[in-house]
Amino acid sequence: MKIANIKSIASIMMLIFLAAVAVAADDPLDPSGDAAMQDIKKTMGDDIFRPGEQDQLGNATPVITGKNLPGSIGATQSSQPKTRLLSPTSTWSMKLMDSQDRYVSLQMCQSNNVVFGKGTIAVGINTQNIMATGTISGNALNMDILSDDLTLFRLSLKMNGKSLSGDYNSYSASYVPWKGIAMGKIN
């Protein structure tokens, strides 16, 4: 019975070895990279390997569903960046009011409809660093401010020129959530 078990184990080991050899032959991560290149060519076509194909603006033509198409989306987009609503960096100051008054000063940047930046929040004599990010849609600004002590202020504001006003909800790792009013301006 022991000899039969040893033969069974040897047979299983041989099958594992043969399977490993067969898999290694088709391994797309092999050091030579040949199998990976063949897989990419099968998936994307040969167009990706033809250098020098560019659109009218001199950009590489994007690969769409495996083939480069002359009227692709990339060829119709402008190479010029979209205009900003605000200067590249501006100072925002806000007052967050609930049971305490918090004063926020932010250096904010804008790219398309996204705003982001960093600054400080002060309550009395205590000041913390903060990070902010948000989106603008029309005159509505939804913004999150996160402080060093992991307090999140989720603001829902209206923009009227360079004035900001609205309300916010706060969430903290240490306190029960609370609500407040926010007012501020963009300098």
N, C-alpha and C. Protein backbone atom coordinates (compact mmCIF):
# COMPACT_ATOMS: atom_id res chain seq x y z
N MET A 1 0.82 -1.18 0.00
CA MET A 1 0.00 0.00 0.00
C MET A 1 0.87 1.26 0.00
N LYS A 2 1.98 1.20 0.66
CA LYS A 2 2.87 2.34 0.71
C LYS A 2 3.48 2.61 -0.66
N ILE A 3 3.79 1.58 -1.40
CA ILE A 3 4.36 1.74 -2.73
C ILE A 3 3.33 2.38 -3.66
N ALA A 4 2.07 2.00 -3.52
CA ALA A 4 1.00 2.58 -4.34
C ALA A 4 0.86 4.06 -4.03
N ASN A 5 0.95 4.44 -2.75
CA ASN A 5 0.86 5.86 -2.37
C ASN A 5 2.03 6.65 -2.92
N ILE A 6 3.22 6.07 -2.87
CA ILE A 6 4.41 6.75 -3.39
C ILE A 6 4.27 6.93 -4.90
N LYS A 7 3.74 5.91 -5.61
CA LYS A 7 3.55 6.03 -7.05
C LYS A 7 2.51 7.11 -7.36
N SER A 8 1.45 7.17 -6.56
CA SER A 8 0.41 8.18 -6.76
C SER A 8 0.99 9.58 -6.56
N ILE A 9 1.76 9.74 -5.52
CA ILE A 9 2.36 11.04 -5.23
C ILE A 9 3.33 11.42 -6.34
N ALA A 10 4.12 10.44 -6.82
CA ALA A 10 5.06 10.70 -7.91
C ALA A 10 4.32 11.09 -9.17
N SER A 11 3.19 10.42 -9.44
CA SER A 11 2.40 10.75 -10.63
C SER A 11 1.84 12.16 -10.52
N ILE A 12 1.35 12.53 -9.36
CA ILE A 12 0.79 13.87 -9.15
C ILE A 12 1.89 14.92 -9.31
N MET A 13 3.06 14.65 -8.76
CA MET A 13 4.17 15.59 -8.87
C MET A 13 4.58 15.77 -10.32
N MET A 14 4.58 14.68 -11.09
CA MET A 14 4.94 14.75 -12.50
C MET A 14 3.91 15.59 -13.26
N LEU A 15 2.62 15.42 -12.97
CA LEU A 15 1.58 16.20 -13.62
C LEU A 15 1.73 17.69 -13.29
N ILE A 16 2.04 18.00 -12.05
CA ILE A 16 2.24 19.40 -11.64
C ILE A 16 3.43 19.99 -12.39
N PHE A 17 4.51 19.24 -12.48
CA PHE A 17 5.70 19.70 -13.18
C PHE A 17 5.39 19.96 -14.66
N LEU A 18 4.68 19.03 -15.31
CA LEU A 18 4.35 19.19 -16.72
C LEU A 18 3.42 20.38 -16.94
N ALA A 19 2.49 20.57 -16.02
CA ALA A 19 1.58 21.72 -16.12
C ALA A 19 2.34 23.02 -15.96
N ALA A 20 3.30 23.06 -15.04
CA ALA A 20 4.11 24.26 -14.82
C ALA A 20 4.94 24.58 -16.06
N VAL A 21 5.50 23.56 -16.70
CA VAL A 21 6.29 23.78 -17.90
C VAL A 21 5.40 24.31 -19.02
N ALA A 22 4.19 23.77 -19.15
CA ALA A 22 3.28 24.22 -20.20
C ALA A 22 2.85 25.66 -19.96
N VAL A 23 2.58 26.04 -18.72
CA VAL A 23 2.18 27.41 -18.40
C VAL A 23 3.35 28.35 -18.62
N ALA A 24 4.55 27.95 -18.25
CA ALA A 24 5.73 28.81 -18.41
C ALA A 24 5.99 29.11 -19.88
N ALA A 25 5.66 28.19 -20.76
CA ALA A 25 5.88 28.42 -22.19
C ALA A 25 4.99 29.54 -22.71
N ASP A 26 3.80 29.74 -22.11
CA ASP A 26 2.87 30.79 -22.54
C ASP A 26 2.83 31.96 -21.57
N ASP A 27 3.80 32.07 -20.70
CA ASP A 27 3.81 33.10 -19.68
C ASP A 27 4.00 34.49 -20.30
N PRO A 28 2.99 35.40 -20.20
CA PRO A 28 3.14 36.74 -20.78
C PRO A 28 4.14 37.59 -20.02
N LEU A 29 4.57 37.16 -18.87
CA LEU A 29 5.52 37.93 -18.09
C LEU A 29 6.94 37.39 -18.19
N ASP A 30 7.19 36.53 -19.16
CA ASP A 30 8.52 35.95 -19.27
C ASP A 30 9.53 37.07 -19.55
N PRO A 31 10.78 36.88 -19.16
CA PRO A 31 11.78 37.95 -19.27
C PRO A 31 12.00 38.46 -20.69
N SER A 32 11.84 37.63 -21.70
CA SER A 32 12.09 38.09 -23.06
C SER A 32 11.00 39.03 -23.54
N GLY A 33 9.79 38.91 -23.01
CA GLY A 33 8.69 39.78 -23.39
C GLY A 33 8.02 39.40 -24.69
N ASP A 34 8.48 38.32 -25.34
CA ASP A 34 7.92 37.93 -26.63
C ASP A 34 6.44 37.56 -26.52
N ALA A 35 6.11 36.80 -25.49
CA ALA A 35 4.72 36.37 -25.33
C ALA A 35 3.83 37.58 -25.05
N ALA A 36 4.32 38.53 -24.29
CA ALA A 36 3.53 39.73 -23.99
C ALA A 36 3.29 40.54 -25.25
N MET A 37 4.33 40.71 -26.08
CA MET A 37 4.19 41.45 -27.33
C MET A 37 3.17 40.79 -28.25
N GLN A 38 3.22 39.47 -28.34
CA GLN A 38 2.27 38.76 -29.19
C GLN A 38 0.85 38.96 -28.68
N ASP A 39 0.68 38.93 -27.36
CA ASP A 39 -0.64 39.13 -26.76
C ASP A 39 -1.14 40.54 -27.05
N ILE A 40 -0.28 41.54 -26.93
CA ILE A 40 -0.67 42.93 -27.21
C ILE A 40 -1.04 43.08 -28.68
N LYS A 41 -0.25 42.50 -29.56
CA LYS A 41 -0.55 42.59 -30.99
C LYS A 41 -1.90 41.96 -31.31
N LYS A 42 -2.19 40.81 -30.69
CA LYS A 42 -3.48 40.15 -30.93
C LYS A 42 -4.62 41.02 -30.42
N THR A 43 -4.42 41.64 -29.29
CA THR A 43 -5.48 42.43 -28.66
C THR A 43 -5.69 43.77 -29.34
N MET A 44 -4.63 44.46 -29.68
CA MET A 44 -4.74 45.84 -30.13
C MET A 44 -4.48 46.01 -31.61
N GLY A 45 -4.00 45.02 -32.27
CA GLY A 45 -3.66 45.16 -33.68
C GLY A 45 -2.25 45.70 -33.82
N ASP A 46 -1.76 45.74 -35.04
CA ASP A 46 -0.40 46.18 -35.30
C ASP A 46 -0.27 47.69 -35.28
N ASP A 47 -1.38 48.44 -35.29
CA ASP A 47 -1.31 49.90 -35.38
C ASP A 47 -0.52 50.53 -34.24
N ILE A 48 -0.56 49.93 -33.07
CA ILE A 48 0.13 50.51 -31.93
C ILE A 48 1.64 50.48 -32.10
N PHE A 49 2.13 49.60 -32.95
CA PHE A 49 3.56 49.45 -33.13
C PHE A 49 4.10 50.25 -34.32
N ARG A 50 3.25 51.02 -34.98
CA ARG A 50 3.69 51.84 -36.10
C ARG A 50 3.99 53.24 -35.60
N PRO A 51 5.25 53.60 -35.47
CA PRO A 51 5.58 54.95 -35.00
C PRO A 51 5.27 56.00 -36.05
N GLY A 52 5.08 57.24 -35.59
CA GLY A 52 4.92 58.35 -36.50
C GLY A 52 3.50 58.65 -36.91
N GLU A 53 2.53 57.86 -36.48
CA GLU A 53 1.14 58.17 -36.82
C GLU A 53 0.64 59.23 -35.86
N GLN A 54 0.24 60.38 -36.41
CA GLN A 54 -0.19 61.49 -35.59
C GLN A 54 -1.45 62.09 -36.17
N ASP A 55 -2.17 62.83 -35.31
CA ASP A 55 -3.35 63.54 -35.78
C ASP A 55 -2.94 64.88 -36.38
N GLN A 56 -3.91 65.73 -36.69
CA GLN A 56 -3.63 67.01 -37.32
C GLN A 56 -2.84 67.95 -36.42
N LEU A 57 -2.91 67.76 -35.11
CA LEU A 57 -2.22 68.62 -34.16
C LEU A 57 -0.84 68.10 -33.79
N GLY A 58 -0.43 66.98 -34.36
CA GLY A 58 0.88 66.42 -34.05
C GLY A 58 0.87 65.49 -32.85
N ASN A 59 -0.33 65.18 -32.32
CA ASN A 59 -0.44 64.26 -31.18
C ASN A 59 -0.58 62.84 -31.69
N ALA A 60 -0.11 61.89 -30.92
CA ALA A 60 -0.28 60.49 -31.30
C ALA A 60 -1.76 60.19 -31.38
N THR A 61 -2.16 59.48 -32.40
CA THR A 61 -3.56 59.14 -32.59
C THR A 61 -3.95 58.11 -31.53
N PRO A 62 -5.03 58.36 -30.78
CA PRO A 62 -5.41 57.42 -29.73
C PRO A 62 -5.88 56.09 -30.29
N VAL A 63 -5.73 55.05 -29.52
CA VAL A 63 -6.18 53.72 -29.91
C VAL A 63 -7.60 53.55 -29.42
N ILE A 64 -8.51 53.28 -30.35
CA ILE A 64 -9.91 53.10 -29.98
C ILE A 64 -10.35 51.75 -30.50
N THR A 65 -10.85 50.92 -29.63
CA THR A 65 -11.29 49.57 -29.92
C THR A 65 -10.31 48.82 -30.81
N GLY A 66 -9.03 49.01 -30.55
CA GLY A 66 -8.02 48.23 -31.23
C GLY A 66 -7.54 48.81 -32.54
N LYS A 67 -8.15 49.83 -33.06
CA LYS A 67 -7.73 50.42 -34.34
C LYS A 67 -7.67 51.92 -34.19
N ASN A 68 -6.71 52.55 -34.87
CA ASN A 68 -6.63 54.01 -34.89
C ASN A 68 -7.58 54.52 -35.95
N LEU A 69 -8.49 55.35 -35.53
CA LEU A 69 -9.49 55.88 -36.44
C LEU A 69 -9.17 57.34 -36.75
N PRO A 70 -9.25 57.77 -38.01
CA PRO A 70 -8.88 59.14 -38.34
C PRO A 70 -9.78 60.18 -37.69
N GLY A 71 -11.04 59.90 -37.50
CA GLY A 71 -11.95 60.88 -36.90
C GLY A 71 -12.15 60.64 -35.43
N SER A 72 -11.12 60.22 -34.74
CA SER A 72 -11.26 59.89 -33.33
C SER A 72 -11.48 61.14 -32.48
N ILE A 73 -11.90 60.93 -31.28
CA ILE A 73 -12.20 62.01 -30.34
C ILE A 73 -10.96 62.87 -30.12
N GLY A 74 -9.80 62.26 -29.99
CA GLY A 74 -8.57 62.99 -29.74
C GLY A 74 -8.25 63.98 -30.85
N ALA A 75 -8.61 63.68 -32.07
CA ALA A 75 -8.28 64.56 -33.18
C ALA A 75 -9.17 65.79 -33.20
N THR A 76 -10.35 65.76 -32.58
CA THR A 76 -11.27 66.88 -32.64
C THR A 76 -11.15 67.79 -31.43
N GLN A 77 -10.42 67.40 -30.39
CA GLN A 77 -10.30 68.24 -29.21
C GLN A 77 -9.21 69.27 -29.41
N SER A 78 -9.42 70.44 -28.83
CA SER A 78 -8.44 71.50 -28.91
C SER A 78 -7.26 71.19 -28.00
N SER A 79 -6.06 71.58 -28.44
CA SER A 79 -4.90 71.36 -27.61
C SER A 79 -4.73 72.49 -26.59
N GLN A 80 -5.56 73.54 -26.69
CA GLN A 80 -5.49 74.65 -25.75
C GLN A 80 -6.21 74.29 -24.46
N PRO A 81 -5.65 74.65 -23.28
CA PRO A 81 -6.34 74.37 -22.02
C PRO A 81 -7.59 75.23 -21.90
N LYS A 82 -8.57 74.73 -21.18
CA LYS A 82 -9.79 75.48 -20.96
C LYS A 82 -9.49 76.67 -20.06
N THR A 83 -10.24 77.74 -20.23
CA THR A 83 -10.01 78.92 -19.42
C THR A 83 -10.45 78.66 -17.99
N ARG A 84 -9.79 79.31 -17.08
CA ARG A 84 -10.10 79.17 -15.67
C ARG A 84 -11.13 80.22 -15.28
N LEU A 85 -11.98 79.89 -14.30
CA LEU A 85 -12.94 80.86 -13.80
C LEU A 85 -12.26 81.84 -12.86
N LEU A 86 -11.22 81.41 -12.18
CA LEU A 86 -10.49 82.23 -11.23
C LEU A 86 -9.02 82.23 -11.62
N SER A 87 -8.26 83.08 -10.95
CA SER A 87 -6.82 83.08 -11.20
C SER A 87 -6.26 81.72 -10.77
N PRO A 88 -5.06 81.36 -11.27
CA PRO A 88 -4.50 80.05 -10.92
C PRO A 88 -4.43 79.80 -9.41
N THR A 89 -4.11 80.80 -8.64
CA THR A 89 -4.12 80.66 -7.18
C THR A 89 -4.79 81.90 -6.60
N SER A 90 -5.76 81.69 -5.72
CA SER A 90 -6.42 82.82 -5.08
C SER A 90 -6.61 82.49 -3.60
N THR A 91 -6.77 83.54 -2.81
CA THR A 91 -6.96 83.37 -1.37
C THR A 91 -8.44 83.43 -1.06
N TRP A 92 -8.91 82.43 -0.35
CA TRP A 92 -10.29 82.38 0.07
C TRP A 92 -10.31 82.51 1.59
N SER A 93 -11.20 83.33 2.11
CA SER A 93 -11.37 83.42 3.56
C SER A 93 -12.84 83.19 3.88
N MET A 94 -13.08 82.37 4.90
CA MET A 94 -14.45 82.02 5.28
C MET A 94 -14.58 81.99 6.79
N LYS A 95 -15.81 82.17 7.22
CA LYS A 95 -16.16 82.03 8.63
C LYS A 95 -17.19 80.92 8.72
N LEU A 96 -16.87 79.88 9.50
CA LEU A 96 -17.80 78.77 9.72
C LEU A 96 -18.40 78.96 11.11
N MET A 97 -19.72 79.10 11.15
CA MET A 97 -20.39 79.43 12.41
C MET A 97 -21.32 78.31 12.86
N ASP A 98 -21.13 77.88 14.08
CA ASP A 98 -22.04 76.98 14.77
C ASP A 98 -21.96 77.37 16.24
N SER A 99 -21.70 76.48 17.17
CA SER A 99 -21.54 76.87 18.58
C SER A 99 -20.22 77.62 18.78
N GLN A 100 -19.32 77.52 17.81
CA GLN A 100 -18.05 78.25 17.82
C GLN A 100 -17.87 78.91 16.46
N ASP A 101 -17.07 79.95 16.42
CA ASP A 101 -16.72 80.58 15.16
C ASP A 101 -15.36 80.04 14.73
N ARG A 102 -15.29 79.55 13.48
CA ARG A 102 -14.05 79.05 12.92
C ARG A 102 -13.68 79.93 11.74
N TYR A 103 -12.41 80.30 11.67
CA TYR A 103 -11.93 81.16 10.59
C TYR A 103 -11.03 80.33 9.67
N VAL A 104 -11.39 80.31 8.40
CA VAL A 104 -10.69 79.50 7.41
C VAL A 104 -9.98 80.43 6.43
N SER A 105 -8.72 80.13 6.18
CA SER A 105 -7.94 80.83 5.15
C SER A 105 -7.36 79.76 4.23
N LEU A 106 -7.65 79.88 2.93
CA LEU A 106 -7.23 78.87 1.95
C LEU A 106 -6.53 79.50 0.77
N GLN A 107 -5.51 78.85 0.26
CA GLN A 107 -4.89 79.17 -1.02
C GLN A 107 -5.47 78.14 -2.00
N MET A 108 -6.34 78.60 -2.88
CA MET A 108 -7.08 77.69 -3.76
C MET A 108 -6.64 77.84 -5.21
N CYS A 109 -6.67 76.72 -5.92
CA CYS A 109 -6.41 76.65 -7.36
C CYS A 109 -7.66 76.11 -8.02
N GLN A 110 -7.79 76.38 -9.31
CA GLN A 110 -8.93 75.87 -10.05
C GLN A 110 -8.48 75.33 -11.38
N SER A 111 -9.02 74.18 -11.74
CA SER A 111 -8.80 73.59 -13.05
C SER A 111 -10.16 73.14 -13.56
N ASN A 112 -10.62 73.79 -14.61
CA ASN A 112 -11.97 73.57 -15.13
C ASN A 112 -12.98 73.80 -14.02
N ASN A 113 -13.78 72.81 -13.65
CA ASN A 113 -14.78 73.02 -12.61
C ASN A 113 -14.33 72.48 -11.25
N VAL A 114 -13.06 72.13 -11.11
CA VAL A 114 -12.54 71.57 -9.86
C VAL A 114 -11.70 72.62 -9.14
N VAL A 115 -11.94 72.77 -7.83
CA VAL A 115 -11.12 73.65 -6.99
C VAL A 115 -10.43 72.80 -5.94
N PHE A 116 -9.21 73.21 -5.55
CA PHE A 116 -8.46 72.46 -4.54
C PHE A 116 -7.41 73.38 -3.96
N GLY A 117 -7.04 73.09 -2.72
CA GLY A 117 -6.02 73.92 -2.09
C GLY A 117 -5.74 73.49 -0.67
N LYS A 118 -5.01 74.36 0.03
CA LYS A 118 -4.66 74.09 1.41
C LYS A 118 -4.60 75.41 2.15
N GLY A 119 -4.64 75.31 3.48
CA GLY A 119 -4.61 76.51 4.30
C GLY A 119 -4.68 76.17 5.76
N THR A 120 -5.38 77.04 6.51
CA THR A 120 -5.50 76.85 7.97
C THR A 120 -6.93 77.12 8.41
N ILE A 121 -7.27 76.54 9.55
CA ILE A 121 -8.53 76.82 10.22
C ILE A 121 -8.19 77.17 11.66
N ALA A 122 -8.81 78.23 12.17
CA ALA A 122 -8.52 78.70 13.53
C ALA A 122 -9.80 78.75 14.34
N VAL A 123 -9.71 78.25 15.57
CA VAL A 123 -10.78 78.36 16.56
C VAL A 123 -10.11 78.96 17.79
N GLY A 124 -10.44 80.22 18.09
CA GLY A 124 -9.75 80.89 19.18
C GLY A 124 -8.28 81.02 18.85
N ILE A 125 -7.42 80.52 19.74
CA ILE A 125 -5.97 80.59 19.49
C ILE A 125 -5.42 79.31 18.87
N ASN A 126 -6.26 78.30 18.69
CA ASN A 126 -5.83 77.02 18.10
C ASN A 126 -5.97 77.07 16.58
N THR A 127 -4.88 76.72 15.90
CA THR A 127 -4.86 76.72 14.43
C THR A 127 -4.40 75.35 13.95
N GLN A 128 -5.05 74.87 12.87
CA GLN A 128 -4.68 73.59 12.26
C GLN A 128 -4.53 73.77 10.76
N ASN A 129 -3.74 72.92 10.16
CA ASN A 129 -3.63 72.87 8.71
C ASN A 129 -4.84 72.15 8.15
N ILE A 130 -5.25 72.55 6.96
CA ILE A 130 -6.40 71.94 6.29
C ILE A 130 -6.10 71.75 4.81
N MET A 131 -6.82 70.82 4.21
CA MET A 131 -6.80 70.59 2.76
C MET A 131 -8.25 70.74 2.29
N ALA A 132 -8.43 71.27 1.08
CA ALA A 132 -9.78 71.48 0.56
C ALA A 132 -9.86 71.02 -0.89
N THR A 133 -11.03 70.53 -1.26
CA THR A 133 -11.30 70.14 -2.63
C THR A 133 -12.79 70.30 -2.89
N GLY A 134 -13.14 70.63 -4.12
CA GLY A 134 -14.55 70.81 -4.41
C GLY A 134 -14.81 70.91 -5.90
N THR A 135 -16.10 71.06 -6.24
CA THR A 135 -16.52 71.22 -7.63
C THR A 135 -17.50 72.38 -7.74
N ILE A 136 -17.42 73.06 -8.88
CA ILE A 136 -18.30 74.19 -9.16
C ILE A 136 -19.23 73.78 -10.29
N SER A 137 -20.51 74.05 -10.11
CA SER A 137 -21.50 73.81 -11.15
C SER A 137 -22.41 75.04 -11.18
N GLY A 138 -22.25 75.87 -12.21
CA GLY A 138 -22.98 77.13 -12.26
C GLY A 138 -22.51 78.03 -11.13
N ASN A 139 -23.44 78.42 -10.25
CA ASN A 139 -23.04 79.23 -9.09
C ASN A 139 -23.01 78.39 -7.81
N ALA A 140 -23.12 77.08 -7.94
CA ALA A 140 -23.09 76.19 -6.78
C ALA A 140 -21.68 75.63 -6.59
N LEU A 141 -21.21 75.65 -5.36
CA LEU A 141 -19.90 75.11 -5.00
C LEU A 141 -20.09 74.08 -3.89
N ASN A 142 -19.70 72.86 -4.15
CA ASN A 142 -19.67 71.81 -3.13
C ASN A 142 -18.21 71.57 -2.80
N MET A 143 -17.86 71.75 -1.51
CA MET A 143 -16.47 71.68 -1.13
C MET A 143 -16.31 70.92 0.18
N ASP A 144 -15.25 70.14 0.26
CA ASP A 144 -14.87 69.43 1.47
C ASP A 144 -13.58 70.03 2.00
N ILE A 145 -13.55 70.27 3.30
CA ILE A 145 -12.35 70.74 3.98
C ILE A 145 -12.02 69.70 5.05
N LEU A 146 -10.78 69.23 5.06
CA LEU A 146 -10.33 68.21 6.01
C LEU A 146 -9.19 68.78 6.84
N SER A 147 -9.35 68.74 8.17
CA SER A 147 -8.33 69.28 9.07
C SER A 147 -7.36 68.19 9.51
N ASP A 148 -6.25 68.62 10.12
CA ASP A 148 -5.24 67.67 10.61
C ASP A 148 -5.81 66.69 11.63
N ASP A 149 -6.81 67.12 12.42
CA ASP A 149 -7.38 66.21 13.44
C ASP A 149 -8.51 65.35 12.87
N LEU A 150 -8.58 65.28 11.53
CA LEU A 150 -9.56 64.47 10.79
C LEU A 150 -11.00 64.91 11.05
N THR A 151 -11.21 66.22 11.08
CA THR A 151 -12.56 66.76 11.08
C THR A 151 -12.87 67.15 9.64
N LEU A 152 -13.99 66.66 9.12
CA LEU A 152 -14.40 66.95 7.75
C LEU A 152 -15.53 67.96 7.78
N PHE A 153 -15.35 69.05 7.06
CA PHE A 153 -16.39 70.05 6.88
C PHE A 153 -16.87 69.92 5.44
N ARG A 154 -18.13 69.55 5.26
CA ARG A 154 -18.72 69.36 3.93
C ARG A 154 -19.64 70.54 3.66
N LEU A 155 -19.16 71.47 2.81
CA LEU A 155 -19.85 72.73 2.56
C LEU A 155 -20.67 72.67 1.28
N SER A 156 -21.84 73.29 1.33
CA SER A 156 -22.70 73.46 0.16
C SER A 156 -22.94 74.96 0.04
N LEU A 157 -22.25 75.60 -0.91
CA LEU A 157 -22.23 77.05 -0.98
C LEU A 157 -22.80 77.56 -2.30
N LYS A 158 -23.25 78.81 -2.28
CA LYS A 158 -23.64 79.55 -3.48
C LYS A 158 -22.59 80.62 -3.70
N MET A 159 -22.19 80.79 -4.94
CA MET A 159 -21.22 81.83 -5.29
C MET A 159 -21.98 82.98 -5.94
N ASN A 160 -21.75 84.19 -5.43
CA ASN A 160 -22.35 85.40 -5.98
C ASN A 160 -21.20 86.36 -6.22
N GLY A 161 -20.68 86.37 -7.44
CA GLY A 161 -19.46 87.13 -7.71
C GLY A 161 -18.31 86.49 -6.94
N LYS A 162 -17.72 87.25 -6.02
CA LYS A 162 -16.64 86.71 -5.21
C LYS A 162 -17.09 86.42 -3.78
N SER A 163 -18.40 86.41 -3.54
CA SER A 163 -18.94 86.09 -2.22
C SER A 163 -19.40 84.64 -2.18
N LEU A 164 -19.22 84.03 -1.01
CA LEU A 164 -19.63 82.64 -0.79
C LEU A 164 -20.56 82.59 0.42
N SER A 165 -21.63 81.82 0.33
CA SER A 165 -22.52 81.65 1.49
C SER A 165 -23.26 80.33 1.35
N GLY A 166 -23.58 79.75 2.50
CA GLY A 166 -24.31 78.49 2.51
C GLY A 166 -24.24 77.83 3.86
N ASP A 167 -24.36 76.50 3.84
CA ASP A 167 -24.30 75.77 5.11
C ASP A 167 -23.32 74.62 4.99
N TYR A 168 -23.08 73.96 6.12
CA TYR A 168 -22.14 72.84 6.12
C TYR A 168 -22.52 71.82 7.17
N ASN A 169 -22.03 70.62 6.96
CA ASN A 169 -22.12 69.53 7.94
C ASN A 169 -20.70 69.15 8.30
N SER A 170 -20.47 68.89 9.58
CA SER A 170 -19.14 68.50 10.03
C SER A 170 -19.18 67.10 10.61
N TYR A 171 -18.11 66.37 10.35
CA TYR A 171 -17.96 65.00 10.82
C TYR A 171 -16.58 64.89 11.45
N SER A 172 -16.52 64.25 12.61
CA SER A 172 -15.26 64.19 13.33
C SER A 172 -15.03 62.80 13.89
N ALA A 173 -13.76 62.45 14.04
CA ALA A 173 -13.42 61.18 14.68
C ALA A 173 -13.65 61.26 16.18
N SER A 174 -13.77 62.48 16.72
CA SER A 174 -13.88 62.67 18.17
C SER A 174 -15.22 63.19 18.65
N TYR A 175 -16.01 63.80 17.76
CA TYR A 175 -17.25 64.45 18.18
C TYR A 175 -18.44 63.96 17.36
N VAL A 176 -19.63 64.23 17.88
CA VAL A 176 -20.88 63.92 17.19
C VAL A 176 -21.01 64.90 16.02
N PRO A 177 -21.53 64.48 14.86
CA PRO A 177 -21.67 65.39 13.73
C PRO A 177 -22.50 66.63 14.09
N TRP A 178 -22.20 67.77 13.44
CA TRP A 178 -22.93 68.99 13.69
C TRP A 178 -23.08 69.78 12.39
N LYS A 179 -23.95 70.81 12.44
CA LYS A 179 -24.23 71.63 11.27
C LYS A 179 -23.89 73.09 11.59
N GLY A 180 -23.68 73.86 10.53
CA GLY A 180 -23.39 75.28 10.72
C GLY A 180 -23.63 76.06 9.44
N ILE A 181 -23.32 77.35 9.53
CA ILE A 181 -23.48 78.28 8.42
C ILE A 181 -22.09 78.76 8.01
N ALA A 182 -21.89 78.91 6.71
CA ALA A 182 -20.60 79.37 6.17
C ALA A 182 -20.79 80.64 5.36
N MET A 183 -19.89 81.58 5.56
CA MET A 183 -19.86 82.82 4.78
C MET A 183 -18.42 83.15 4.45
N GLY A 184 -18.17 83.68 3.26
CA GLY A 184 -16.81 84.01 2.93
C GLY A 184 -16.68 84.78 1.65
N LYS A 185 -15.41 84.98 1.25
CA LYS A 185 -15.14 85.73 0.01
C LYS A 185 -13.87 85.21 -0.62
N ILE A 186 -13.76 85.48 -1.91
CA ILE A 186 -12.57 85.13 -2.68
C ILE A 186 -11.81 86.43 -2.90
N ASN A 187 -10.59 86.49 -2.44
CA ASN A 187 -9.79 87.72 -2.58
C ASN A 187 -9.06 87.74 -3.90
